[in-house]
N, C-alpha and C. Protein backbone atom coordinates (compact mmCIF):
# COMPACT_ATOMS: atom_id res chain seq x y z
N MET A 1 12.19 43.53 -15.07
CA MET A 1 12.53 42.12 -15.03
C MET A 1 11.80 41.40 -16.16
N ASP A 2 12.44 40.45 -16.76
CA ASP A 2 11.92 39.68 -17.87
C ASP A 2 10.94 38.62 -17.34
N THR A 3 9.70 38.65 -17.84
CA THR A 3 8.67 37.71 -17.39
C THR A 3 9.07 36.27 -17.71
N TYR A 4 9.63 36.04 -18.88
CA TYR A 4 10.03 34.69 -19.27
C TYR A 4 11.01 34.10 -18.25
N ARG A 5 12.00 34.87 -17.84
CA ARG A 5 13.00 34.36 -16.89
C ARG A 5 12.37 34.09 -15.52
N THR A 6 11.42 34.90 -15.12
CA THR A 6 10.71 34.66 -13.86
C THR A 6 9.93 33.36 -13.93
N VAL A 7 9.25 33.15 -15.05
CA VAL A 7 8.48 31.91 -15.23
C VAL A 7 9.41 30.71 -15.30
N LEU A 8 10.54 30.87 -15.98
CA LEU A 8 11.54 29.79 -16.03
C LEU A 8 12.02 29.46 -14.62
N TYR A 9 12.26 30.47 -13.80
CA TYR A 9 12.67 30.25 -12.41
C TYR A 9 11.60 29.46 -11.65
N LEU A 10 10.33 29.82 -11.82
CA LEU A 10 9.23 29.10 -11.17
C LEU A 10 9.12 27.67 -11.70
N HIS A 11 9.44 27.50 -12.98
CA HIS A 11 9.45 26.16 -13.59
C HIS A 11 10.50 25.28 -12.91
N VAL A 12 11.70 25.84 -12.73
CA VAL A 12 12.78 25.10 -12.08
C VAL A 12 12.43 24.83 -10.62
N LEU A 13 11.81 25.79 -9.94
CA LEU A 13 11.39 25.56 -8.55
C LEU A 13 10.38 24.42 -8.47
N SER A 14 9.45 24.36 -9.41
CA SER A 14 8.48 23.26 -9.44
C SER A 14 9.18 21.93 -9.64
N LEU A 15 10.18 21.92 -10.51
CA LEU A 15 10.97 20.71 -10.75
C LEU A 15 11.68 20.28 -9.48
N LEU A 16 12.32 21.24 -8.79
CA LEU A 16 13.02 20.92 -7.55
C LEU A 16 12.06 20.43 -6.48
N LEU A 17 10.88 21.01 -6.40
CA LEU A 17 9.87 20.57 -5.45
C LEU A 17 9.49 19.12 -5.70
N GLY A 18 9.25 18.78 -6.95
CA GLY A 18 8.90 17.40 -7.30
C GLY A 18 10.03 16.43 -7.04
N ILE A 19 11.26 16.81 -7.38
CA ILE A 19 12.40 15.93 -7.15
C ILE A 19 12.65 15.75 -5.65
N GLY A 20 12.50 16.83 -4.89
CA GLY A 20 12.66 16.72 -3.43
C GLY A 20 11.62 15.79 -2.83
N ALA A 21 10.38 15.92 -3.26
CA ALA A 21 9.32 15.04 -2.75
C ALA A 21 9.58 13.59 -3.15
N ALA A 22 10.05 13.37 -4.38
CA ALA A 22 10.36 12.01 -4.83
C ALA A 22 11.49 11.41 -3.99
N ALA A 23 12.47 12.23 -3.62
CA ALA A 23 13.56 11.74 -2.78
C ALA A 23 13.04 11.34 -1.40
N VAL A 24 12.17 12.15 -0.82
CA VAL A 24 11.61 11.82 0.49
C VAL A 24 10.80 10.53 0.42
N VAL A 25 9.95 10.39 -0.60
CA VAL A 25 9.15 9.17 -0.75
C VAL A 25 10.06 7.96 -0.96
N GLY A 26 11.14 8.12 -1.71
CA GLY A 26 12.10 7.02 -1.90
C GLY A 26 12.73 6.59 -0.59
N VAL A 27 13.14 7.54 0.23
CA VAL A 27 13.71 7.22 1.55
C VAL A 27 12.66 6.50 2.40
N CYS A 28 11.44 6.98 2.37
CA CYS A 28 10.36 6.34 3.14
C CYS A 28 10.17 4.89 2.69
N LEU A 29 10.22 4.66 1.40
CA LEU A 29 10.04 3.30 0.89
C LEU A 29 11.17 2.38 1.34
N PHE A 30 12.39 2.89 1.34
CA PHE A 30 13.52 2.09 1.85
C PHE A 30 13.33 1.77 3.32
N ARG A 31 12.89 2.74 4.10
CA ARG A 31 12.70 2.53 5.54
C ARG A 31 11.53 1.58 5.80
N LEU A 32 10.46 1.67 5.00
CA LEU A 32 9.34 0.74 5.14
C LEU A 32 9.78 -0.68 4.81
N ARG A 33 10.61 -0.81 3.81
CA ARG A 33 11.12 -2.13 3.42
C ARG A 33 11.96 -2.74 4.54
N ALA A 34 12.70 -1.90 5.25
CA ALA A 34 13.58 -2.39 6.31
C ALA A 34 12.88 -2.56 7.66
N ALA A 35 11.68 -2.02 7.79
CA ALA A 35 10.97 -2.06 9.07
C ALA A 35 10.69 -3.48 9.52
N GLN A 36 10.88 -3.71 10.80
CA GLN A 36 10.61 -5.02 11.39
C GLN A 36 9.31 -5.04 12.18
N THR A 37 8.91 -3.86 12.68
CA THR A 37 7.71 -3.77 13.49
C THR A 37 6.83 -2.63 12.98
N LEU A 38 5.60 -2.62 13.45
CA LEU A 38 4.70 -1.53 13.09
C LEU A 38 5.25 -0.20 13.58
N ALA A 39 5.86 -0.20 14.76
CA ALA A 39 6.44 1.04 15.30
C ALA A 39 7.57 1.56 14.41
N ASP A 40 8.31 0.65 13.78
CA ASP A 40 9.37 1.06 12.84
C ASP A 40 8.77 1.64 11.56
N ALA A 41 7.67 1.06 11.09
CA ALA A 41 7.10 1.41 9.80
C ALA A 41 6.21 2.65 9.85
N LEU A 42 5.49 2.84 10.93
CA LEU A 42 4.46 3.86 10.99
C LEU A 42 4.93 5.28 10.66
N PRO A 43 6.03 5.77 11.26
CA PRO A 43 6.44 7.15 10.93
C PRO A 43 6.78 7.34 9.45
N TRP A 44 7.36 6.31 8.83
CA TRP A 44 7.75 6.41 7.42
C TRP A 44 6.54 6.37 6.51
N GLY A 45 5.57 5.56 6.86
CA GLY A 45 4.34 5.52 6.09
C GLY A 45 3.58 6.84 6.18
N MET A 46 3.56 7.42 7.38
CA MET A 46 2.87 8.70 7.56
C MET A 46 3.58 9.81 6.78
N LEU A 47 4.91 9.83 6.82
CA LEU A 47 5.67 10.84 6.09
C LEU A 47 5.44 10.71 4.58
N ALA A 48 5.45 9.48 4.08
CA ALA A 48 5.21 9.27 2.65
C ALA A 48 3.81 9.76 2.27
N GLY A 49 2.83 9.48 3.11
CA GLY A 49 1.46 9.92 2.84
C GLY A 49 1.33 11.43 2.79
N LYS A 50 2.02 12.12 3.68
CA LYS A 50 1.97 13.58 3.68
C LYS A 50 2.76 14.15 2.50
N THR A 51 3.87 13.53 2.15
CA THR A 51 4.72 14.03 1.07
C THR A 51 4.04 13.89 -0.29
N GLU A 52 3.22 12.86 -0.46
CA GLU A 52 2.58 12.66 -1.77
C GLU A 52 1.69 13.82 -2.15
N ARG A 53 1.28 14.63 -1.20
CA ARG A 53 0.45 15.80 -1.48
C ARG A 53 1.21 16.88 -2.26
N VAL A 54 2.53 16.81 -2.27
CA VAL A 54 3.35 17.79 -2.96
C VAL A 54 3.32 17.59 -4.48
N PHE A 55 3.15 16.36 -4.92
CA PHE A 55 3.27 16.05 -6.35
C PHE A 55 2.27 16.81 -7.22
N PRO A 56 0.99 16.89 -6.86
CA PRO A 56 0.09 17.67 -7.73
C PRO A 56 0.50 19.14 -7.86
N VAL A 57 1.02 19.72 -6.77
CA VAL A 57 1.47 21.11 -6.82
C VAL A 57 2.66 21.24 -7.78
N ALA A 58 3.61 20.32 -7.67
CA ALA A 58 4.79 20.36 -8.54
C ALA A 58 4.39 20.15 -10.01
N ILE A 59 3.49 19.20 -10.27
CA ILE A 59 3.08 18.93 -11.64
C ILE A 59 2.30 20.11 -12.22
N LEU A 60 1.41 20.68 -11.43
CA LEU A 60 0.66 21.85 -11.88
C LEU A 60 1.61 23.02 -12.16
N GLY A 61 2.60 23.20 -11.28
CA GLY A 61 3.60 24.25 -11.49
C GLY A 61 4.40 24.03 -12.75
N LEU A 62 4.81 22.77 -12.98
CA LEU A 62 5.58 22.46 -14.19
C LEU A 62 4.75 22.70 -15.45
N PHE A 63 3.50 22.22 -15.42
CA PHE A 63 2.68 22.37 -16.62
C PHE A 63 2.33 23.83 -16.89
N SER A 64 1.91 24.56 -15.87
CA SER A 64 1.47 25.94 -16.11
C SER A 64 2.63 26.84 -16.55
N THR A 65 3.78 26.70 -15.92
CA THR A 65 4.92 27.52 -16.33
C THR A 65 5.44 27.08 -17.69
N GLY A 66 5.43 25.76 -17.93
CA GLY A 66 5.83 25.26 -19.25
C GLY A 66 4.89 25.72 -20.34
N ALA A 67 3.58 25.79 -20.02
CA ALA A 67 2.60 26.28 -21.00
C ALA A 67 2.86 27.74 -21.33
N TYR A 68 3.19 28.53 -20.33
CA TYR A 68 3.49 29.94 -20.60
C TYR A 68 4.71 30.06 -21.51
N MET A 69 5.78 29.33 -21.17
CA MET A 69 7.01 29.43 -21.97
C MET A 69 6.79 28.91 -23.39
N THR A 70 5.97 27.85 -23.52
CA THR A 70 5.66 27.33 -24.86
C THR A 70 4.93 28.39 -25.68
N SER A 71 3.95 29.01 -25.08
CA SER A 71 3.17 30.04 -25.80
C SER A 71 4.00 31.27 -26.11
N ASP A 72 4.96 31.58 -25.24
CA ASP A 72 5.77 32.79 -25.41
C ASP A 72 6.89 32.61 -26.43
N VAL A 73 7.55 31.45 -26.41
CA VAL A 73 8.76 31.28 -27.21
C VAL A 73 8.65 30.16 -28.24
N TRP A 74 7.91 29.12 -27.92
CA TRP A 74 7.83 27.94 -28.78
C TRP A 74 6.45 27.82 -29.39
N THR A 75 6.14 26.64 -29.88
CA THR A 75 4.79 26.34 -30.36
C THR A 75 4.34 25.03 -29.72
N TRP A 76 3.03 24.84 -29.68
CA TRP A 76 2.47 23.63 -29.09
C TRP A 76 2.70 22.40 -29.96
N SER A 77 3.17 22.59 -31.16
CA SER A 77 3.44 21.46 -32.04
C SER A 77 4.92 21.07 -32.07
N THR A 78 5.75 21.72 -31.26
CA THR A 78 7.18 21.39 -31.20
C THR A 78 7.31 19.97 -30.62
N GLY A 79 8.03 19.11 -31.33
CA GLY A 79 8.10 17.69 -30.97
C GLY A 79 8.50 17.40 -29.54
N TRP A 80 9.60 17.98 -29.08
CA TRP A 80 10.07 17.66 -27.73
C TRP A 80 9.11 18.18 -26.67
N ILE A 81 8.37 19.22 -26.98
CA ILE A 81 7.38 19.75 -26.03
C ILE A 81 6.19 18.80 -25.94
N VAL A 82 5.73 18.31 -27.08
CA VAL A 82 4.61 17.36 -27.08
C VAL A 82 5.00 16.11 -26.30
N VAL A 83 6.19 15.58 -26.56
CA VAL A 83 6.66 14.38 -25.85
C VAL A 83 6.74 14.67 -24.36
N SER A 84 7.25 15.81 -23.98
CA SER A 84 7.39 16.15 -22.56
C SER A 84 6.04 16.31 -21.88
N ILE A 85 5.06 16.87 -22.57
CA ILE A 85 3.72 17.02 -22.00
C ILE A 85 3.09 15.64 -21.78
N VAL A 86 3.22 14.77 -22.77
CA VAL A 86 2.68 13.41 -22.64
C VAL A 86 3.37 12.69 -21.48
N ALA A 87 4.69 12.85 -21.38
CA ALA A 87 5.43 12.19 -20.31
C ALA A 87 5.02 12.74 -18.94
N LEU A 88 4.82 14.06 -18.85
CA LEU A 88 4.37 14.65 -17.58
C LEU A 88 2.97 14.15 -17.23
N ALA A 89 2.12 13.99 -18.21
CA ALA A 89 0.78 13.42 -17.96
C ALA A 89 0.89 11.99 -17.46
N LEU A 90 1.82 11.22 -18.02
CA LEU A 90 2.05 9.85 -17.55
C LEU A 90 2.46 9.85 -16.08
N VAL A 91 3.38 10.73 -15.72
CA VAL A 91 3.81 10.85 -14.32
C VAL A 91 2.63 11.23 -13.44
N ALA A 92 1.83 12.20 -13.90
CA ALA A 92 0.69 12.68 -13.12
C ALA A 92 -0.35 11.59 -12.90
N LEU A 93 -0.53 10.71 -13.87
CA LEU A 93 -1.51 9.63 -13.74
C LEU A 93 -0.94 8.41 -13.03
N GLN A 94 0.26 8.06 -13.38
CA GLN A 94 0.89 6.85 -12.84
C GLN A 94 1.12 6.96 -11.33
N GLY A 95 1.44 8.16 -10.86
CA GLY A 95 1.68 8.33 -9.42
C GLY A 95 0.46 7.96 -8.59
N PRO A 96 -0.64 8.69 -8.71
CA PRO A 96 -1.78 8.39 -7.85
C PRO A 96 -2.55 7.12 -8.24
N LEU A 97 -2.67 6.85 -9.55
CA LEU A 97 -3.51 5.73 -9.98
C LEU A 97 -2.81 4.38 -9.89
N VAL A 98 -1.51 4.36 -9.92
CA VAL A 98 -0.79 3.08 -9.84
C VAL A 98 -0.07 2.99 -8.49
N ALA A 99 0.92 3.84 -8.27
CA ALA A 99 1.67 3.78 -7.00
C ALA A 99 0.78 4.14 -5.82
N GLY A 100 -0.10 5.12 -6.00
CA GLY A 100 -0.97 5.53 -4.91
C GLY A 100 -1.86 4.41 -4.42
N LEU A 101 -2.42 3.64 -5.35
CA LEU A 101 -3.27 2.51 -4.96
C LEU A 101 -2.46 1.44 -4.24
N ARG A 102 -1.24 1.21 -4.69
CA ARG A 102 -0.38 0.23 -4.02
C ARG A 102 0.02 0.72 -2.63
N ALA A 103 0.28 2.01 -2.51
CA ALA A 103 0.62 2.58 -1.21
C ALA A 103 -0.56 2.48 -0.24
N LYS A 104 -1.78 2.67 -0.75
CA LYS A 104 -2.98 2.53 0.10
C LYS A 104 -3.12 1.09 0.57
N ALA A 105 -2.82 0.13 -0.29
CA ALA A 105 -2.87 -1.28 0.11
C ALA A 105 -1.86 -1.55 1.22
N LEU A 106 -0.66 -0.98 1.10
CA LEU A 106 0.35 -1.12 2.15
C LEU A 106 -0.13 -0.47 3.44
N GLU A 107 -0.74 0.70 3.31
CA GLU A 107 -1.27 1.39 4.49
C GLU A 107 -2.33 0.53 5.20
N ARG A 108 -3.22 -0.09 4.42
CA ARG A 108 -4.24 -0.97 5.02
C ARG A 108 -3.59 -2.16 5.70
N ALA A 109 -2.58 -2.75 5.06
CA ALA A 109 -1.90 -3.91 5.65
C ALA A 109 -1.22 -3.53 6.96
N LEU A 110 -0.64 -2.34 7.01
CA LEU A 110 -0.01 -1.89 8.26
C LEU A 110 -1.08 -1.68 9.33
N GLY A 111 -2.22 -1.11 8.94
CA GLY A 111 -3.30 -0.89 9.90
C GLY A 111 -3.87 -2.19 10.43
N GLU A 112 -3.99 -3.20 9.57
CA GLU A 112 -4.50 -4.50 9.99
C GLU A 112 -3.47 -5.30 10.77
N ASN A 113 -2.20 -4.95 10.61
CA ASN A 113 -1.12 -5.69 11.26
C ASN A 113 -1.20 -5.58 12.78
N GLY A 114 -1.48 -4.42 13.28
CA GLY A 114 -1.48 -4.20 14.72
C GLY A 114 -0.06 -4.08 15.24
N PRO A 115 0.07 -3.78 16.53
CA PRO A 115 1.41 -3.60 17.10
C PRO A 115 2.24 -4.87 17.01
N GLY A 116 3.53 -4.68 17.05
CA GLY A 116 4.45 -5.81 17.04
C GLY A 116 5.09 -6.03 15.69
N PRO A 117 5.64 -7.22 15.50
CA PRO A 117 6.34 -7.53 14.24
C PRO A 117 5.40 -7.43 13.04
N LEU A 118 5.98 -7.03 11.91
CA LEU A 118 5.20 -6.94 10.68
C LEU A 118 4.91 -8.33 10.14
N GLY A 119 3.68 -8.53 9.71
CA GLY A 119 3.29 -9.80 9.11
C GLY A 119 3.72 -9.91 7.66
N ASN A 120 3.45 -11.06 7.08
CA ASN A 120 3.86 -11.32 5.71
C ASN A 120 3.23 -10.37 4.71
N SER A 121 1.97 -10.02 4.91
CA SER A 121 1.27 -9.14 3.97
C SER A 121 1.94 -7.77 3.91
N ALA A 122 2.20 -7.18 5.07
CA ALA A 122 2.84 -5.86 5.11
C ALA A 122 4.25 -5.93 4.53
N ARG A 123 4.99 -6.97 4.85
CA ARG A 123 6.35 -7.11 4.31
C ARG A 123 6.33 -7.25 2.79
N ARG A 124 5.39 -8.05 2.30
CA ARG A 124 5.28 -8.28 0.85
C ARG A 124 4.93 -6.97 0.14
N LEU A 125 3.98 -6.23 0.69
CA LEU A 125 3.57 -4.97 0.06
C LEU A 125 4.65 -3.89 0.14
N ALA A 126 5.52 -3.97 1.13
CA ALA A 126 6.64 -3.02 1.22
C ALA A 126 7.68 -3.30 0.14
N ARG A 127 7.59 -4.46 -0.50
CA ARG A 127 8.49 -4.82 -1.61
C ARG A 127 7.73 -4.91 -2.94
N ASP A 128 6.53 -4.38 -3.00
CA ASP A 128 5.69 -4.47 -4.19
C ASP A 128 6.43 -3.92 -5.41
N PRO A 129 6.68 -4.76 -6.42
CA PRO A 129 7.43 -4.30 -7.59
C PRO A 129 6.80 -3.09 -8.29
N VAL A 130 5.49 -3.07 -8.40
CA VAL A 130 4.84 -1.95 -9.09
C VAL A 130 5.07 -0.64 -8.32
N LEU A 131 4.92 -0.69 -7.01
CA LEU A 131 5.15 0.50 -6.17
C LEU A 131 6.59 1.00 -6.33
N TRP A 132 7.54 0.09 -6.26
CA TRP A 132 8.95 0.47 -6.39
C TRP A 132 9.27 1.01 -7.78
N ILE A 133 8.75 0.34 -8.81
CA ILE A 133 9.06 0.77 -10.18
C ILE A 133 8.52 2.17 -10.43
N VAL A 134 7.28 2.42 -10.06
CA VAL A 134 6.71 3.75 -10.28
C VAL A 134 7.46 4.80 -9.46
N THR A 135 7.82 4.44 -8.23
CA THR A 135 8.53 5.39 -7.36
C THR A 135 9.87 5.80 -7.96
N PHE A 136 10.52 4.91 -8.68
CA PHE A 136 11.81 5.24 -9.28
C PHE A 136 11.71 5.62 -10.75
N ALA A 137 10.73 5.07 -11.46
CA ALA A 137 10.60 5.38 -12.88
C ALA A 137 10.05 6.78 -13.11
N ASN A 138 9.16 7.25 -12.25
CA ASN A 138 8.64 8.62 -12.43
C ASN A 138 9.76 9.66 -12.39
N PRO A 139 10.67 9.62 -11.41
CA PRO A 139 11.80 10.57 -11.48
C PRO A 139 12.67 10.35 -12.71
N GLY A 140 12.78 9.11 -13.16
CA GLY A 140 13.52 8.84 -14.39
C GLY A 140 12.87 9.52 -15.59
N ILE A 141 11.55 9.47 -15.65
CA ILE A 141 10.81 10.16 -16.72
C ILE A 141 11.07 11.66 -16.62
N VAL A 142 11.00 12.20 -15.42
CA VAL A 142 11.22 13.63 -15.22
C VAL A 142 12.63 14.02 -15.66
N LEU A 143 13.61 13.18 -15.38
CA LEU A 143 14.97 13.47 -15.84
C LEU A 143 15.05 13.42 -17.36
N GLY A 144 14.27 12.53 -17.99
CA GLY A 144 14.18 12.51 -19.46
C GLY A 144 13.57 13.80 -19.99
N ILE A 145 12.54 14.29 -19.30
CA ILE A 145 11.94 15.57 -19.69
C ILE A 145 12.94 16.70 -19.53
N LEU A 146 13.70 16.68 -18.45
CA LEU A 146 14.72 17.70 -18.22
C LEU A 146 15.76 17.67 -19.34
N TRP A 147 16.15 16.47 -19.75
CA TRP A 147 17.08 16.32 -20.88
C TRP A 147 16.49 17.00 -22.12
N ASN A 148 15.20 16.76 -22.35
CA ASN A 148 14.54 17.37 -23.51
C ASN A 148 14.52 18.89 -23.40
N MET A 149 14.25 19.42 -22.21
CA MET A 149 14.21 20.87 -22.03
C MET A 149 15.56 21.51 -22.33
N ILE A 150 16.61 20.84 -21.92
CA ILE A 150 17.95 21.40 -22.11
C ILE A 150 18.44 21.25 -23.55
N ASN A 151 18.20 20.08 -24.14
CA ASN A 151 18.77 19.77 -25.45
C ASN A 151 17.84 20.06 -26.63
N LYS A 152 16.53 20.16 -26.37
CA LYS A 152 15.54 20.43 -27.42
C LYS A 152 15.75 19.51 -28.64
N PRO A 153 15.69 18.20 -28.41
CA PRO A 153 15.99 17.24 -29.48
C PRO A 153 14.81 17.04 -30.43
N SER A 154 15.03 16.18 -31.41
CA SER A 154 13.94 15.78 -32.31
C SER A 154 12.92 14.97 -31.50
N SER A 155 11.76 14.74 -32.09
CA SER A 155 10.73 13.96 -31.40
C SER A 155 11.22 12.56 -31.04
N ALA A 156 11.91 11.89 -31.97
CA ALA A 156 12.41 10.54 -31.71
C ALA A 156 13.41 10.54 -30.55
N GLU A 157 14.31 11.50 -30.55
CA GLU A 157 15.29 11.59 -29.46
C GLU A 157 14.61 11.93 -28.14
N ALA A 158 13.57 12.76 -28.19
CA ALA A 158 12.83 13.12 -26.97
C ALA A 158 12.13 11.90 -26.39
N ILE A 159 11.52 11.10 -27.25
CA ILE A 159 10.88 9.86 -26.80
C ILE A 159 11.93 8.93 -26.20
N THR A 160 13.06 8.80 -26.86
CA THR A 160 14.14 7.95 -26.37
C THR A 160 14.60 8.39 -24.98
N ALA A 161 14.75 9.69 -24.77
CA ALA A 161 15.18 10.20 -23.46
C ALA A 161 14.20 9.82 -22.36
N VAL A 162 12.91 9.94 -22.64
CA VAL A 162 11.89 9.60 -21.64
C VAL A 162 11.87 8.10 -21.38
N VAL A 163 11.95 7.30 -22.45
CA VAL A 163 11.93 5.84 -22.30
C VAL A 163 13.17 5.36 -21.54
N VAL A 164 14.33 5.91 -21.87
CA VAL A 164 15.56 5.53 -21.16
C VAL A 164 15.45 5.91 -19.69
N GLY A 165 14.92 7.09 -19.40
CA GLY A 165 14.72 7.49 -18.01
C GLY A 165 13.83 6.52 -17.26
N TYR A 166 12.74 6.12 -17.90
CA TYR A 166 11.82 5.16 -17.29
C TYR A 166 12.52 3.83 -17.04
N LEU A 167 13.21 3.32 -18.05
CA LEU A 167 13.87 2.01 -17.93
C LEU A 167 14.97 2.02 -16.87
N VAL A 168 15.74 3.09 -16.80
CA VAL A 168 16.79 3.17 -15.77
C VAL A 168 16.15 3.19 -14.38
N GLY A 169 15.08 3.99 -14.22
CA GLY A 169 14.38 4.02 -12.93
C GLY A 169 13.85 2.65 -12.55
N ALA A 170 13.24 1.95 -13.50
CA ALA A 170 12.71 0.61 -13.24
C ALA A 170 13.82 -0.37 -12.89
N ALA A 171 14.94 -0.29 -13.61
CA ALA A 171 16.06 -1.20 -13.35
C ALA A 171 16.66 -0.96 -11.96
N VAL A 172 16.72 0.29 -11.55
CA VAL A 172 17.23 0.60 -10.21
C VAL A 172 16.28 0.06 -9.15
N ALA A 173 14.98 0.09 -9.40
CA ALA A 173 13.98 -0.33 -8.42
C ALA A 173 13.92 -1.84 -8.23
N LEU A 174 14.07 -2.60 -9.29
CA LEU A 174 13.82 -4.04 -9.23
C LEU A 174 14.58 -4.79 -8.14
N PRO A 175 15.85 -4.54 -7.90
CA PRO A 175 16.54 -5.30 -6.85
C PRO A 175 15.91 -5.12 -5.46
N PHE A 176 15.22 -4.01 -5.24
CA PHE A 176 14.65 -3.75 -3.92
C PHE A 176 13.29 -4.40 -3.74
N THR A 177 12.80 -5.07 -4.76
CA THR A 177 11.52 -5.76 -4.66
C THR A 177 11.70 -7.20 -4.18
N ARG A 178 12.93 -7.63 -4.10
CA ARG A 178 13.21 -9.00 -3.65
C ARG A 178 13.24 -9.05 -2.14
N GLU A 179 12.94 -10.22 -1.62
CA GLU A 179 12.95 -10.40 -0.18
C GLU A 179 14.37 -10.24 0.34
N GLN A 180 14.48 -9.58 1.47
CA GLN A 180 15.79 -9.36 2.07
C GLN A 180 16.33 -10.69 2.58
N ALA A 181 17.62 -10.90 2.32
CA ALA A 181 18.26 -12.10 2.85
C ALA A 181 18.47 -11.91 4.34
N VAL A 182 18.13 -12.93 5.09
CA VAL A 182 18.31 -12.87 6.54
C VAL A 182 19.67 -13.47 6.85
N GLU A 183 20.47 -12.65 7.49
CA GLU A 183 21.79 -13.15 7.84
C GLU A 183 21.67 -14.10 9.01
N THR A 184 22.30 -15.23 8.88
CA THR A 184 22.28 -16.20 9.97
C THR A 184 23.70 -16.46 10.40
N GLN A 185 23.84 -16.63 11.66
CA GLN A 185 25.15 -16.96 12.19
C GLN A 185 25.17 -18.45 12.49
N ALA A 186 26.30 -19.05 12.22
CA ALA A 186 26.43 -20.47 12.53
C ALA A 186 26.49 -20.61 14.04
N VAL A 187 25.68 -21.51 14.53
CA VAL A 187 25.65 -21.77 15.97
C VAL A 187 26.45 -23.04 16.20
N THR A 188 27.43 -22.90 17.05
CA THR A 188 28.25 -24.07 17.33
C THR A 188 27.80 -24.69 18.64
N ASP A 189 27.76 -25.97 18.65
CA ASP A 189 27.37 -26.70 19.85
C ASP A 189 28.63 -26.93 20.68
N PRO A 190 28.66 -26.35 21.90
CA PRO A 190 29.87 -26.48 22.71
C PRO A 190 30.14 -27.91 23.15
N SER A 191 29.15 -28.79 23.08
CA SER A 191 29.37 -30.16 23.54
C SER A 191 30.03 -31.03 22.48
N VAL A 192 30.18 -30.48 21.25
CA VAL A 192 30.75 -31.29 20.16
C VAL A 192 32.24 -31.19 20.17
């Protein structure tokens, strides 16, 4: 069996692991945004907290297998590889240091909320623009890296792919940071 193909398979598995975890965290964020009570929010917050543990494994898998393939077939000075490594480092840092801190603030707000309806603080933090943008922009960056892996573009095109992925992810996230419109029904007075 060819070692390169085995490592490539492990590389793709790491990618799928990261994308799967990102999908679960995204669903959790949607459910937290829609939660009306602590009982509604708690299971989704707990699931998101457990799922975030997958990201370091996926990132380590992507980097280590990518490093092997780079050393075996490419060079460390190849433009699209350098761009992809920098982008993966951005994802690795932005997740825990930016989104992770915002998620911890949401977790504290839920803990301080107590049973019953969610207060303004928890509701506001469930719509935190930074949390949403990172949650959607990181997969966008990863899709830009995937584009680079498949197409092996010039450095400028590789940067463009990562930036476009980030911007698309951020644009998708922004509408969900706004307060939900509360539907009201017109109440008619029967005496009129």
